[in-house]
Amino acid sequence: MKIWLLDYHPSFNNFKINNMDDFKRLQFNGTQLGDRWNAPEVDLRDYGKPSDIMGCHNGALLINQKAKTVFESTVHAGEAEFLPFEFEGVTYYFLHVLNHVSCIDAENSLIKRLNGSNIISEYTEYAFHEELVKPHHIMRVKFHEGDNVVHYPFVSDHIHEAIINSGLKGYQLIEVWDSTFSWQDKQKKFNAMVEQSNKERIKTFDYTTARKFVEKRKITAYSDRWAIRLDDQGRFQLGELVLEGTYSWIYPIFIPPVLLGQVWGIKEQVQSGRLDRVLKAIFKNER
């Protein structure tokens, strides 16, 4: 089984809470609020991309009726409540997760603590006790020390599948745990992929040379988990290796300085004796 972190997607339309008193008041700590619910005033951040999951405040998702219908049909009774609010005559809801679960496998989780203290600030990698998470479809996760709760709701495979098949928009579902493939296993596999990628390079050079080679010869260059290339329209892209063995490509505004000092290389075979001549020609033309 898997556990997924559920959040809204900030590039889609989303709500913000206008009043600071409302912002502080709405804690959503797992205590049922339905009988004493006082809806806040909200405003829409309109990015021209309609959304069904429209924000997250202190662990409660802001959702529309379409999303409410999906969750009502999938969560267990008592796991969550739906707290209404209105915007421009339309009713929306805070999905308040009432189900707070102590299920962290601390020994196998990767934990970050506040500087100079022993207080947990976050879990950078999660491990759960399977028997403790298996009964739940949606939950907030308690820290294994202290009284804090992870900010985001977590969902089961059942809800993940329902959301994927529902056509909902404006969300992120991030896999945080797999009972059959731990984060340690993933890290080992990823490190092996990076090592293999570096071994496959047939010629290496610095970033400046790699960049010129990519732009002039339209060949992809690689460095550890990173790659650079031109797309079909000649636009420069930066790629990051993902566990599936492919690259996630973006159009970078800038190149992180750490990448400028790395060793880069190409994997494509250049005809014998031509590579050095190609490089010399590139730099000659730059002068």
Protein backbone atom coordinates (compact mmCIF):
# COMPACT_ATOMS: atom_id res chain seq x y z
CA MET A 1 0.00 0.00 0.00
CA LYS A 2 0.97 3.65 -0.44
CA ILE A 3 0.31 6.88 1.41
CA TRP A 4 -0.08 10.17 -0.45
CA LEU A 5 0.22 13.78 0.72
CA LEU A 6 -2.67 15.85 -0.63
CA ASP A 7 -2.37 19.60 -1.23
CA TYR A 8 -3.75 22.27 -3.54
CA HIS A 9 -1.74 23.41 -6.57
CA PRO A 10 -0.63 27.06 -6.26
CA SER A 11 -0.68 27.72 -10.01
CA PHE A 12 -4.47 27.16 -10.11
CA ASN A 13 -7.14 29.52 -8.78
CA ASN A 14 -7.17 29.47 -4.99
CA PHE A 15 -8.63 31.28 -1.98
CA LYS A 16 -6.95 33.44 0.62
CA ILE A 17 -8.39 34.38 4.01
CA ASN A 18 -8.75 38.17 4.17
CA ASN A 19 -9.06 38.84 7.89
CA MET A 20 -6.03 38.20 10.10
CA ASP A 21 -8.26 37.39 13.08
CA ASP A 22 -9.95 34.69 10.99
CA PHE A 23 -6.56 33.49 9.80
CA LYS A 24 -5.36 32.96 13.37
CA ARG A 25 -8.69 31.63 14.65
CA LEU A 26 -9.04 28.77 12.22
CA GLN A 27 -6.76 26.15 13.70
CA PHE A 28 -8.45 22.91 12.50
CA ASN A 29 -6.92 20.79 15.25
CA GLY A 30 -9.16 17.74 14.85
CA THR A 31 -11.89 18.89 17.25
CA GLN A 32 -15.26 18.93 15.50
CA LEU A 33 -16.35 22.48 14.66
CA GLY A 34 -19.72 21.95 12.95
CA ASP A 35 -21.90 23.11 15.87
CA ARG A 36 -19.90 26.31 16.43
CA TRP A 37 -18.67 27.02 12.92
CA ASN A 38 -18.17 30.68 12.02
CA ALA A 39 -17.19 30.97 8.37
CA PRO A 40 -14.35 33.38 7.45
CA GLU A 41 -14.28 35.91 4.64
CA VAL A 42 -12.21 34.80 1.68
CA ASP A 43 -11.03 36.25 -1.60
CA LEU A 44 -10.11 34.53 -4.85
CA ARG A 45 -6.67 34.52 -6.38
CA ASP A 46 -7.69 34.19 -10.00
CA TYR A 47 -4.99 32.80 -12.30
CA GLY A 48 -7.45 31.90 -15.02
CA LYS A 49 -7.20 28.18 -14.16
CA PRO A 50 -10.41 26.94 -12.47
CA SER A 51 -9.81 24.59 -9.57
CA ASP A 52 -11.72 22.16 -7.37
CA ILE A 53 -9.22 22.10 -4.48
CA MET A 54 -8.56 25.75 -3.80
CA GLY A 55 -6.24 26.08 -0.85
CA CYS A 56 -4.94 24.57 2.37
CA HIS A 57 -5.13 26.36 5.72
CA ASN A 58 -3.70 24.70 8.84
CA GLY A 59 -4.28 21.28 7.30
CA ALA A 60 -7.84 21.92 6.08
CA LEU A 61 -8.42 21.89 2.32
CA LEU A 62 -10.68 24.49 0.69
CA ILE A 63 -12.83 22.63 -1.83
CA ASN A 64 -15.88 23.08 -4.05
CA GLN A 65 -19.02 20.95 -4.29
CA LYS A 66 -17.53 18.64 -6.92
CA ALA A 67 -14.61 17.78 -4.67
CA LYS A 68 -16.91 17.45 -1.64
CA THR A 69 -18.93 14.81 -3.48
CA VAL A 70 -15.75 12.81 -4.19
CA PHE A 71 -14.59 12.91 -0.58
CA GLU A 72 -18.03 12.16 0.86
CA SER A 73 -18.12 8.95 -1.15
CA THR A 74 -14.63 7.80 -0.10
CA VAL A 75 -13.77 8.84 3.48
CA HIS A 76 -14.85 6.77 6.46
CA ALA A 77 -17.55 8.17 8.74
CA GLY A 78 -15.99 10.43 11.37
CA GLU A 79 -12.71 10.96 9.49
CA ALA A 80 -13.61 14.47 8.28
CA GLU A 81 -16.25 17.18 8.34
CA PHE A 82 -17.23 19.72 5.69
CA LEU A 83 -17.52 23.31 6.92
CA PRO A 84 -19.31 25.66 4.49
CA PHE A 85 -18.41 29.17 3.41
CA GLU A 86 -19.67 31.34 0.57
CA PHE A 87 -17.99 33.29 -2.16
CA GLU A 88 -19.99 35.29 -4.70
CA GLY A 89 -23.14 33.32 -3.93
CA VAL A 90 -21.55 29.88 -4.32
CA THR A 91 -21.00 27.51 -1.39
CA TYR A 92 -17.55 26.04 -0.84
CA TYR A 93 -16.17 23.98 2.05
CA PHE A 94 -13.25 23.51 4.39
CA LEU A 95 -12.43 19.80 4.45
CA HIS A 96 -11.47 19.46 8.12
CA VAL A 97 -9.71 16.17 8.84
CA LEU A 98 -10.76 14.94 12.30
CA ASN A 99 -8.70 11.78 12.10
CA HIS A 100 -5.31 12.39 13.77
CA VAL A 101 -3.20 9.24 13.83
CA SER A 102 0.03 8.28 15.64
CA CYS A 103 1.65 6.05 13.03
CA ILE A 104 5.20 7.33 12.36
CA ASP A 105 7.92 4.71 12.22
CA ALA A 106 10.54 6.99 13.73
CA GLU A 107 13.43 4.56 13.36
CA ASN A 108 13.02 4.46 9.58
CA SER A 109 11.92 8.08 8.97
CA LEU A 110 14.30 10.89 8.10
CA ILE A 111 13.82 13.65 10.66
CA LYS A 112 14.87 17.30 10.63
CA ARG A 113 15.21 19.13 13.94
CA LEU A 114 15.37 22.84 14.69
CA ASN A 115 18.88 24.25 14.89
CA GLY A 116 20.28 24.12 18.39
CA SER A 117 17.40 22.08 19.80
CA ASN A 118 15.97 18.59 19.89
CA ILE A 119 12.58 19.73 18.55
CA ILE A 120 11.34 18.11 15.35
CA SER A 121 10.64 20.64 12.61
CA GLU A 122 9.64 18.22 9.85
CA TYR A 123 9.96 14.75 8.37
CA THR A 124 11.92 14.90 5.15
CA GLU A 125 11.24 11.20 4.47
CA TYR A 126 8.35 9.22 5.93
CA ALA A 127 8.04 5.69 7.19
CA PHE A 128 4.78 4.43 8.71
CA HIS A 129 3.69 1.41 10.69
CA GLU A 130 1.51 -0.33 8.12
CA GLU A 131 -0.94 -1.79 10.62
CA LEU A 132 -1.61 1.72 12.00
CA VAL A 133 -2.26 3.46 8.67
CA LYS A 134 -4.08 0.65 6.86
CA PRO A 135 -7.55 1.29 8.43
CA HIS A 136 -7.62 4.97 7.38
CA HIS A 137 -8.61 6.67 4.12
CA ILE A 138 -7.76 10.25 5.15
CA MET A 139 -5.77 11.41 8.17
CA ARG A 140 -3.48 13.98 9.72
CA VAL A 141 -0.29 12.47 11.08
CA LYS A 142 0.95 13.17 14.62
CA PHE A 143 4.62 13.77 15.26
CA HIS A 144 6.09 10.84 17.16
CA GLU A 145 7.40 13.33 19.74
CA GLY A 146 5.50 16.28 21.22
CA ASP A 147 2.02 17.50 20.30
CA ASN A 148 2.48 18.73 16.74
CA VAL A 149 0.67 17.39 13.69
CA VAL A 150 1.97 17.40 10.11
CA HIS A 151 0.43 20.36 8.30
CA TYR A 152 -1.03 18.42 5.36
CA PRO A 153 -3.67 15.71 5.06
CA PHE A 154 -2.60 12.25 3.92
CA VAL A 155 -4.75 9.88 1.90
CA SER A 156 -4.85 6.19 1.02
CA ASP A 157 -4.62 4.47 -2.34
CA HIS A 158 -8.43 4.36 -2.33
CA ILE A 159 -8.80 8.15 -2.23
CA HIS A 160 -5.83 8.63 -4.56
CA GLU A 161 -7.57 6.52 -7.18
CA ALA A 162 -10.91 8.29 -6.64
CA ILE A 163 -9.32 11.72 -7.13
CA ILE A 164 -7.37 10.64 -10.22
CA ASN A 165 -10.52 9.20 -11.81
CA SER A 166 -12.80 12.08 -10.81
CA GLY A 167 -11.43 14.75 -13.14
CA LEU A 168 -10.76 17.12 -10.24
CA LYS A 169 -8.37 19.99 -10.97
CA GLY A 170 -5.94 22.05 -8.94
CA TYR A 171 -4.36 19.52 -6.61
CA GLN A 172 -1.07 17.80 -5.86
CA LEU A 173 -0.85 14.15 -4.82
CA ILE A 174 2.66 13.32 -3.65
CA GLU A 175 3.64 9.76 -2.86
CA VAL A 176 5.37 9.80 0.54
CA TRP A 177 5.44 6.11 1.47
CA ASP A 178 5.27 2.71 -0.19
CA SER A 179 5.03 -0.34 2.03
CA THR A 180 6.94 -2.42 -0.54
CA PHE A 181 9.61 0.12 -1.56
CA SER A 182 11.09 2.31 1.18
CA TRP A 183 12.69 5.70 0.69
CA GLN A 184 16.03 4.05 1.50
CA ASP A 185 15.44 1.59 -1.37
CA LYS A 186 14.53 4.47 -3.67
CA GLN A 187 17.66 6.37 -2.67
CA LYS A 188 19.87 3.37 -3.42
CA LYS A 189 18.23 2.90 -6.81
CA PHE A 190 18.52 6.60 -7.62
CA ASN A 191 22.18 6.78 -6.60
CA ALA A 192 22.90 3.76 -8.80
CA MET A 193 21.14 5.50 -11.72
CA VAL A 194 23.25 8.65 -11.24
CA GLU A 195 26.45 6.59 -11.04
CA GLN A 196 25.53 4.73 -14.22
CA SER A 197 24.69 7.97 -16.03
CA ASN A 198 28.12 9.37 -15.18
CA LYS A 199 29.82 6.17 -16.37
CA GLU A 200 28.04 6.41 -19.73
CA ARG A 201 29.66 9.75 -20.56
CA ILE A 202 32.28 9.34 -23.28
CA LYS A 203 33.80 12.82 -22.96
CA THR A 204 33.70 15.30 -20.06
CA PHE A 205 34.35 19.02 -19.73
CA ASP A 206 33.34 22.06 -17.68
CA TYR A 207 29.91 23.71 -17.75
CA THR A 208 30.90 26.52 -20.14
CA THR A 209 32.18 24.04 -22.71
CA ALA A 210 29.15 21.78 -22.19
CA ARG A 211 26.75 24.70 -22.69
CA LYS A 212 28.42 25.78 -25.92
CA PHE A 213 28.50 22.19 -27.17
CA VAL A 214 24.78 21.77 -26.44
CA GLU A 215 23.82 25.03 -28.14
CA LYS A 216 26.00 24.53 -31.24
CA ARG A 217 25.69 20.79 -31.78
CA LYS A 218 22.25 20.17 -30.19
CA ILE A 219 23.56 17.29 -28.07
CA THR A 220 22.43 16.65 -24.50
CA ALA A 221 25.05 17.03 -21.75
CA TYR A 222 24.88 15.29 -18.38
CA SER A 223 26.22 15.87 -14.86
CA ASP A 224 25.17 13.61 -11.98
CA ARG A 225 21.37 13.97 -11.72
CA TRP A 226 21.21 16.90 -14.13
CA ALA A 227 21.11 17.35 -17.89
CA ILE A 228 20.98 20.28 -20.31
CA ARG A 229 19.63 20.34 -23.86
CA LEU A 230 17.75 22.35 -26.47
CA ASP A 231 14.10 21.53 -27.15
CA ASP A 232 12.66 21.12 -30.65
CA GLN A 233 12.35 24.89 -30.97
CA GLY A 234 15.91 25.58 -29.90
CA ARG A 235 15.05 26.72 -26.36
CA PHE A 236 17.46 25.86 -23.55
CA GLN A 237 16.24 23.33 -20.95
CA LEU A 238 17.50 22.01 -17.63
CA GLY A 239 16.50 18.46 -16.69
CA GLU A 240 16.50 16.58 -13.41
CA LEU A 241 16.65 12.80 -13.32
CA VAL A 242 13.63 11.10 -11.73
CA LEU A 243 13.28 7.61 -10.32
CA GLU A 244 11.49 6.33 -13.42
CA GLY A 245 14.72 6.88 -15.36
CA THR A 246 13.52 9.89 -17.36
CA TYR A 247 14.22 13.61 -16.91
CA SER A 248 11.87 16.31 -15.71
CA TRP A 249 12.59 19.30 -17.97
CA ILE A 250 12.14 23.02 -17.20
CA TYR A 251 13.05 26.31 -18.88
CA PRO A 252 15.35 27.76 -16.20
CA ILE A 253 15.45 31.44 -15.32
CA PHE A 254 18.98 30.87 -14.02
CA ILE A 255 21.37 27.98 -13.48
CA PRO A 256 22.06 27.15 -9.82
CA PRO A 257 25.70 28.11 -9.12
CA VAL A 258 26.51 24.63 -7.80
CA LEU A 259 25.92 23.21 -11.29
CA LEU A 260 28.44 25.58 -12.84
CA GLY A 261 31.30 23.88 -10.98
CA GLN A 262 30.33 20.31 -11.83
CA VAL A 263 31.84 18.02 -14.44
CA TRP A 264 29.63 17.66 -17.53
CA GLY A 265 29.78 15.24 -20.39
CA ILE A 266 28.09 13.75 -23.44
CA LYS A 267 26.94 10.18 -24.06
CA GLU A 268 26.46 10.35 -27.81
CA GLN A 269 29.30 9.01 -29.91
CA VAL A 270 31.03 11.58 -32.10
CA GLN A 271 33.04 10.26 -35.07
CA SER A 272 36.62 9.47 -34.17
CA GLY A 273 38.88 12.51 -34.34
CA ARG A 274 36.01 14.95 -34.83
CA LEU A 275 35.20 15.87 -31.22
CA ASP A 276 38.29 17.97 -30.57
CA ARG A 277 37.88 19.70 -33.94
CA VAL A 278 34.22 20.42 -33.16
CA LEU A 279 35.12 21.96 -29.82
CA LYS A 280 37.89 24.07 -31.33
CA ALA A 281 35.51 25.30 -34.03
CA ILE A 282 32.89 26.24 -31.47
CA PHE A 283 35.30 28.33 -29.43
CA LYS A 284 36.88 29.85 -32.54
CA ASN A 285 33.48 31.08 -33.68
CA GLU A 286 32.83 32.57 -30.21
CA ARG A 287 35.83 34.86 -30.47
